[in-house]
Amino acid sequence: MKNKVLILLNVPSLANQYDLYIPVNERMDKIIHLLLMGLKDLTEYNFFEDSKNYVLINSVTGKVYGNNDIVRDTDIRNGSKLILISNQ
């Protein structure tokens, strides 16, 4: 899969981790939106609101990714460990 990378997503608000493929040609704001929609489907919890500001953080380096960053232009590679948290 040349156009996707496998990440380990840690979601502290759910106390869970997920292995997910994300597309490398998308901006972070779209990736976060896709992740939130997927989490709504995967879980019984419905507290993920699109209006909230969520951020992705690299759990190894501590880098916070901006909404306009494109995945292929970041340090996200197969096996990257990311954390999804609310920015509010």
C-alpha atoms as a PDB file:
ATOM      1  CA  MET A   1       0.000   0.000   0.000  1.00  0.00           C
ATOM      2  CA  LYS A   2       2.058   2.874  -1.281  1.00  0.00           C
ATOM      3  CA  ASN A   3      -0.605   5.485  -0.637  1.00  0.00           C
ATOM      4  CA  LYS A   4      -1.315   4.586   3.012  1.00  0.00           C
ATOM      5  CA  VAL A   5       0.662   4.174   6.220  1.00  0.00           C
ATOM      6  CA  LEU A   6      -0.119   1.994   9.211  1.00  0.00           C
ATOM      7  CA  ILE A   7      -0.220   3.909  12.491  1.00  0.00           C
ATOM      8  CA  LEU A   8      -0.931   3.031  16.094  1.00  0.00           C
ATOM      9  CA  LEU A   9      -3.514   5.555  17.294  1.00  0.00           C
ATOM     10  CA  ASN A  10      -3.805   6.102  21.033  1.00  0.00           C
ATOM     11  CA  VAL A  11      -7.087   7.701  22.136  1.00  0.00           C
ATOM     12  CA  PRO A  12      -6.727   8.593  25.842  1.00  0.00           C
ATOM     13  CA  SER A  13     -10.392   9.607  26.203  1.00  0.00           C
ATOM     14  CA  LEU A  14     -11.344   6.022  25.315  1.00  0.00           C
ATOM     15  CA  ALA A  15      -8.371   4.395  27.062  1.00  0.00           C
ATOM     16  CA  ASN A  16      -7.770   2.399  23.897  1.00  0.00           C
ATOM     17  CA  GLN A  17      -5.404   2.036  20.950  1.00  0.00           C
ATOM     18  CA  TYR A  18      -6.161   1.225  17.326  1.00  0.00           C
ATOM     19  CA  ASP A  19      -4.057   0.086  14.371  1.00  0.00           C
ATOM     20  CA  LEU A  20      -5.228   2.113  11.384  1.00  0.00           C
ATOM     21  CA  TYR A  21      -4.207   2.874   7.844  1.00  0.00           C
ATOM     22  CA  ILE A  22      -4.286   6.550   6.897  1.00  0.00           C
ATOM     23  CA  PRO A  23      -3.817   8.043   3.402  1.00  0.00           C
ATOM     24  CA  VAL A  24      -0.542   9.879   2.797  1.00  0.00           C
ATOM     25  CA  ASN A  25      -1.953  12.410   0.314  1.00  0.00           C
ATOM     26  CA  GLU A  26      -4.399  14.092   2.703  1.00  0.00           C
ATOM     27  CA  ARG A  27      -4.156  17.055   5.043  1.00  0.00           C
ATOM     28  CA  MET A  28      -4.268  16.496   8.790  1.00  0.00           C
ATOM     29  CA  ASP A  29      -7.641  18.210   9.206  1.00  0.00           C
ATOM     30  CA  LYS A  30      -9.224  15.647   6.877  1.00  0.00           C
ATOM     31  CA  ILE A  31      -7.369  12.779   8.567  1.00  0.00           C
ATOM     32  CA  ILE A  32      -8.642  13.920  11.976  1.00  0.00           C
ATOM     33  CA  HIS A  33     -12.184  14.194  10.607  1.00  0.00           C
ATOM     34  CA  LEU A  34     -11.961  10.651   9.180  1.00  0.00           C
ATOM     35  CA  LEU A  35     -10.573   9.336  12.471  1.00  0.00           C
ATOM     36  CA  LEU A  36     -13.377  10.949  14.479  1.00  0.00           C
ATOM     37  CA  MET A  37     -16.035   9.522  12.172  1.00  0.00           C
ATOM     38  CA  GLY A  38     -14.430   6.087  12.418  1.00  0.00           C
ATOM     39  CA  LEU A  39     -14.253   6.269  16.203  1.00  0.00           C
ATOM     40  CA  LYS A  40     -17.943   7.125  16.343  1.00  0.00           C
ATOM     41  CA  ASP A  41     -18.657   3.965  14.338  1.00  0.00           C
ATOM     42  CA  LEU A  42     -16.241   1.733  16.284  1.00  0.00           C
ATOM     43  CA  THR A  43     -17.337   2.734  19.755  1.00  0.00           C
ATOM     44  CA  GLU A  44     -20.549   3.145  21.661  1.00  0.00           C
ATOM     45  CA  TYR A  45     -19.473   6.640  22.647  1.00  0.00           C
ATOM     46  CA  ASN A  46     -20.926   9.581  20.813  1.00  0.00           C
ATOM     47  CA  PHE A  47     -18.948  12.374  22.431  1.00  0.00           C
ATOM     48  CA  PHE A  48     -16.649  13.056  19.490  1.00  0.00           C
ATOM     49  CA  GLU A  49     -17.827  16.374  18.102  1.00  0.00           C
ATOM     50  CA  ASP A  50     -16.593  17.710  14.788  1.00  0.00           C
ATOM     51  CA  SER A  51     -16.774  21.244  16.143  1.00  0.00           C
ATOM     52  CA  LYS A  52     -14.069  20.535  18.710  1.00  0.00           C
ATOM     53  CA  ASN A  53     -10.466  21.063  17.833  1.00  0.00           C
ATOM     54  CA  TYR A  54      -8.588  17.782  17.908  1.00  0.00           C
ATOM     55  CA  VAL A  55      -4.872  17.393  17.305  1.00  0.00           C
ATOM     56  CA  LEU A  56      -2.601  14.522  16.422  1.00  0.00           C
ATOM     57  CA  ILE A  57       0.631  14.262  18.371  1.00  0.00           C
ATOM     58  CA  ASN A  58       3.581  11.971  17.706  1.00  0.00           C
ATOM     59  CA  SER A  59       3.980  10.066  20.983  1.00  0.00           C
ATOM     60  CA  VAL A  60       7.714   9.478  20.414  1.00  0.00           C
ATOM     61  CA  THR A  61       8.861  12.956  19.365  1.00  0.00           C
ATOM     62  CA  GLY A  62       6.065  15.060  20.894  1.00  0.00           C
ATOM     63  CA  LYS A  63       5.512  16.850  17.576  1.00  0.00           C
ATOM     64  CA  VAL A  64       2.059  18.387  17.200  1.00  0.00           C
ATOM     65  CA  TYR A  65       0.849  18.237  13.601  1.00  0.00           C
ATOM     66  CA  GLY A  66      -0.866  21.271  12.102  1.00  0.00           C
ATOM     67  CA  ASN A  67      -4.184  21.044  10.285  1.00  0.00           C
ATOM     68  CA  ASN A  68      -2.577  22.010   6.967  1.00  0.00           C
ATOM     69  CA  ASP A  69       0.245  19.443   7.171  1.00  0.00           C
ATOM     70  CA  ILE A  70       0.081  16.739   4.516  1.00  0.00           C
ATOM     71  CA  VAL A  71       0.906  13.292   5.881  1.00  0.00           C
ATOM     72  CA  ARG A  72       3.608  12.537   3.279  1.00  0.00           C
ATOM     73  CA  ASP A  73       5.431  15.762   4.230  1.00  0.00           C
ATOM     74  CA  THR A  74       5.617  14.830   7.929  1.00  0.00           C
ATOM     75  CA  ASP A  75       7.635  12.241   9.835  1.00  0.00           C
ATOM     76  CA  ILE A  76       4.657   9.858   9.959  1.00  0.00           C
ATOM     77  CA  ARG A  77       5.678   6.455   8.596  1.00  0.00           C
ATOM     78  CA  ASN A  78       4.538   2.849   9.015  1.00  0.00           C
ATOM     79  CA  GLY A  79       4.526   2.062  12.720  1.00  0.00           C
ATOM     80  CA  SER A  80       4.268   5.666  13.904  1.00  0.00           C
ATOM     81  CA  LYS A  81       2.570   6.043  17.274  1.00  0.00           C
ATOM     82  CA  LEU A  82       0.128   8.947  17.350  1.00  0.00           C
ATOM     83  CA  ILE A  83      -2.127  10.356  20.060  1.00  0.00           C
ATOM     84  CA  LEU A  84      -5.507  11.954  19.296  1.00  0.00           C
ATOM     85  CA  ILE A  85      -6.575  14.507  21.902  1.00  0.00           C
ATOM     86  CA  SER A  86      -8.967  17.400  22.179  1.00  0.00           C
ATOM     87  CA  ASN A  87      -7.335  20.804  21.958  1.00  0.00           C
ATOM     88  CA  GLN A  88      -9.994  22.468  24.132  1.00  0.00           C
END
